[in-house]
Amino acid sequence: MIDLNATGAGLNGYTLLQAQLESLLADERDFIANAAQFSAFLYHQLDDLNWAGFYLNRNEELVLGPFQGQIACVRIPFGRGVCGAAAASRQTQRVEDVHAFAGHIACDSASNSELVVPLIKDGRLIGVLDLDSPSIGRFSEQDQQGIEALAAIFLRLSDC
């Protein structure tokens, strides 16, 4: 696991994760294969997560894609829950306490905070990247920026 608070010379934190993800996905373009690798990468490299994965846009509805963690909701309508809000608004949703989020969908009762990044390529919403944590307030502005940068690498290196 990488200490994102590490400082010093060379690569550290999200910069190191970006370099590792570039290397991990360098020789593969398949979207599903890369999504599976990316979700496992995040789940095992970031601390304090209980779910990391994808929901894919299928006719204006999110459908479960590759993930790591407990079983999950299979379909989420646009506009419902944190994932649906990210899909509908096409904006990242960083929620400190999901229990205070109107319309939250409790797929895993252990989740207390969530970060959802919409995946947009060539103007099309491909889906969302969803990270859940059992800790309230787990995701900072730095985490949001770092995960958005990682999602951009994933999209650039994947055919979709």
Protein backbone atom coordinates (compact mmCIF):
# COMPACT_ATOMS: atom_id res chain seq x y z
CA MET A 1 0.00 0.00 0.00
CA ILE A 2 1.30 3.44 -0.89
CA ASP A 3 1.55 6.15 1.74
CA LEU A 4 -0.04 9.10 -0.06
CA ASN A 5 1.30 11.46 2.60
CA ALA A 6 4.92 10.50 1.92
CA THR A 7 7.20 13.33 0.95
CA GLY A 8 10.71 13.53 -0.43
CA ALA A 9 12.53 13.28 -3.71
CA GLY A 10 11.20 11.23 -6.60
CA LEU A 11 7.73 9.88 -7.16
CA ASN A 12 5.30 9.75 -4.27
CA GLY A 13 1.59 9.77 -3.57
CA TYR A 14 -0.71 10.11 -6.55
CA THR A 15 2.23 10.85 -8.86
CA LEU A 16 3.58 7.37 -8.09
CA LEU A 17 0.12 5.83 -8.58
CA GLN A 18 -0.14 7.55 -11.98
CA ALA A 19 3.21 6.11 -13.09
CA GLN A 20 2.21 2.65 -11.85
CA LEU A 21 -1.16 2.79 -13.62
CA GLU A 22 0.48 3.90 -16.88
CA SER A 23 2.75 0.85 -16.66
CA LEU A 24 -0.06 -1.53 -15.65
CA LEU A 25 -2.27 -0.58 -18.60
CA ALA A 26 0.46 0.09 -21.18
CA ASP A 27 0.10 -3.13 -23.18
CA GLU A 28 -3.70 -3.59 -23.12
CA ARG A 29 -6.51 -1.56 -24.70
CA ASP A 30 -9.54 -3.71 -23.80
CA PHE A 31 -11.91 -1.67 -21.66
CA ILE A 32 -13.19 -4.52 -19.46
CA ALA A 33 -9.71 -5.96 -18.85
CA ASN A 34 -8.37 -2.51 -17.95
CA ALA A 35 -11.38 -1.72 -15.75
CA ALA A 36 -10.84 -4.97 -13.85
CA GLN A 37 -7.14 -4.20 -13.39
CA PHE A 38 -7.81 -0.57 -12.42
CA SER A 39 -10.42 -1.46 -9.79
CA ALA A 40 -8.10 -4.08 -8.24
CA PHE A 41 -5.21 -1.60 -8.37
CA LEU A 42 -7.18 1.08 -6.51
CA TYR A 43 -8.66 -1.36 -4.00
CA HIS A 44 -5.23 -2.67 -3.02
CA GLN A 45 -3.19 0.54 -3.28
CA LEU A 46 -5.46 2.97 -1.44
CA ASP A 47 -6.14 2.53 2.23
CA ASP A 48 -9.51 2.58 3.95
CA LEU A 49 -11.66 1.43 0.99
CA ASN A 50 -14.37 -1.20 1.13
CA TRP A 51 -15.39 -0.96 -2.55
CA ALA A 52 -13.75 0.17 -5.79
CA GLY A 53 -15.27 -0.32 -9.19
CA PHE A 54 -17.32 0.70 -12.16
CA TYR A 55 -20.89 1.29 -13.17
CA LEU A 56 -21.32 1.48 -16.95
CA ASN A 57 -23.79 3.61 -18.91
CA ARG A 58 -26.32 1.36 -20.59
CA ASN A 59 -29.18 3.35 -22.14
CA GLU A 60 -29.25 6.08 -19.48
CA GLU A 61 -28.95 3.57 -16.63
CA LEU A 62 -25.83 2.50 -14.73
CA VAL A 63 -25.08 -1.22 -14.80
CA LEU A 64 -22.51 -2.89 -12.55
CA GLY A 65 -19.10 -3.42 -14.12
CA PRO A 66 -15.76 -4.76 -12.82
CA PHE A 67 -15.19 -4.12 -9.12
CA GLN A 68 -13.48 -5.18 -5.90
CA GLY A 69 -15.40 -5.49 -2.65
CA GLN A 70 -18.72 -6.83 -1.40
CA ILE A 71 -21.57 -7.66 -3.75
CA ALA A 72 -23.20 -4.53 -5.13
CA CYS A 73 -26.36 -3.08 -6.59
CA VAL A 74 -26.62 -4.17 -10.22
CA ARG A 75 -28.61 -1.27 -11.74
CA ILE A 76 -28.76 2.38 -10.72
CA PRO A 77 -30.98 4.90 -12.53
CA PHE A 78 -29.41 8.22 -13.53
CA GLY A 79 -30.11 10.73 -10.80
CA ARG A 80 -30.43 8.16 -7.95
CA GLY A 81 -27.80 7.84 -5.28
CA VAL A 82 -24.28 9.20 -5.47
CA CYS A 83 -23.41 7.23 -8.63
CA GLY A 84 -26.62 8.29 -10.38
CA ALA A 85 -25.99 11.92 -9.39
CA ALA A 86 -22.49 11.78 -10.90
CA ALA A 87 -23.87 10.25 -14.10
CA ALA A 88 -26.70 12.78 -14.43
CA SER A 89 -24.57 15.84 -13.62
CA ARG A 90 -21.36 14.57 -15.23
CA GLN A 91 -19.56 16.00 -12.21
CA THR A 92 -17.52 14.25 -9.55
CA GLN A 93 -19.43 13.62 -6.34
CA ARG A 94 -17.37 13.66 -3.13
CA VAL A 95 -19.64 12.81 -0.21
CA GLU A 96 -18.29 12.97 3.34
CA ASP A 97 -21.27 11.16 4.89
CA VAL A 98 -23.44 9.12 2.54
CA HIS A 99 -26.15 8.86 5.19
CA ALA A 100 -26.71 12.61 4.84
CA PHE A 101 -26.93 12.38 1.02
CA ALA A 102 -30.55 12.58 -0.16
CA GLY A 103 -31.45 9.43 -2.05
CA HIS A 104 -28.34 7.47 -1.09
CA ILE A 105 -28.52 3.82 -2.16
CA ALA A 106 -27.08 1.59 0.55
CA CYS A 107 -25.56 -1.31 -1.41
CA ASP A 108 -23.07 -1.97 1.43
CA SER A 109 -24.09 -0.89 4.93
CA ALA A 110 -20.38 -0.51 5.82
CA SER A 111 -19.96 2.43 3.41
CA ASN A 112 -19.93 5.85 5.05
CA SER A 113 -18.24 8.08 2.47
CA GLU A 114 -18.00 7.95 -1.30
CA LEU A 115 -16.15 9.41 -4.25
CA VAL A 116 -17.68 8.96 -7.70
CA VAL A 117 -15.95 10.18 -10.87
CA PRO A 118 -17.89 10.30 -14.15
CA LEU A 119 -16.00 8.71 -17.03
CA ILE A 120 -16.39 10.90 -20.11
CA LYS A 121 -14.59 10.20 -23.39
CA ASP A 122 -15.15 12.16 -26.58
CA GLY A 123 -18.19 13.81 -24.99
CA ARG A 124 -19.84 10.45 -24.16
CA LEU A 125 -20.57 9.26 -20.63
CA ILE A 126 -19.00 5.79 -20.46
CA GLY A 127 -19.94 5.25 -16.82
CA VAL A 128 -18.66 6.13 -13.38
CA LEU A 129 -15.77 5.09 -11.16
CA ASP A 130 -17.04 4.54 -7.62
CA LEU A 131 -14.94 4.39 -4.45
CA ASP A 132 -16.51 3.68 -1.05
CA SER A 133 -14.99 3.88 2.42
CA PRO A 134 -16.16 2.75 5.84
CA SER A 135 -14.83 6.05 7.26
CA ILE A 136 -16.78 9.29 7.27
CA GLY A 137 -14.86 12.04 5.47
CA ARG A 138 -12.34 9.62 3.91
CA PHE A 139 -11.93 11.49 0.61
CA SER A 140 -10.18 14.87 0.47
CA GLU A 141 -9.90 17.40 -2.35
CA GLN A 142 -6.42 15.95 -3.00
CA ASP A 143 -7.94 12.46 -3.29
CA GLN A 144 -10.55 13.77 -5.71
CA GLN A 145 -7.92 15.39 -7.92
CA GLY A 146 -5.70 12.32 -7.75
CA ILE A 147 -8.50 9.88 -8.63
CA GLU A 148 -9.71 12.14 -11.45
CA ALA A 149 -6.16 12.12 -12.88
CA LEU A 150 -6.01 8.32 -12.61
CA ALA A 151 -9.41 8.01 -14.31
CA ALA A 152 -8.13 10.18 -17.17
CA ILE A 153 -5.17 7.82 -17.64
CA PHE A 154 -7.52 4.83 -17.64
CA LEU A 155 -9.74 6.41 -20.29
CA ARG A 156 -6.79 7.43 -22.46
CA LEU A 157 -5.34 3.92 -22.42
CA SER A 158 -8.62 2.02 -22.91
CA ASP A 159 -10.79 1.53 -25.97
CA CYS A 160 -14.36 2.59 -25.23
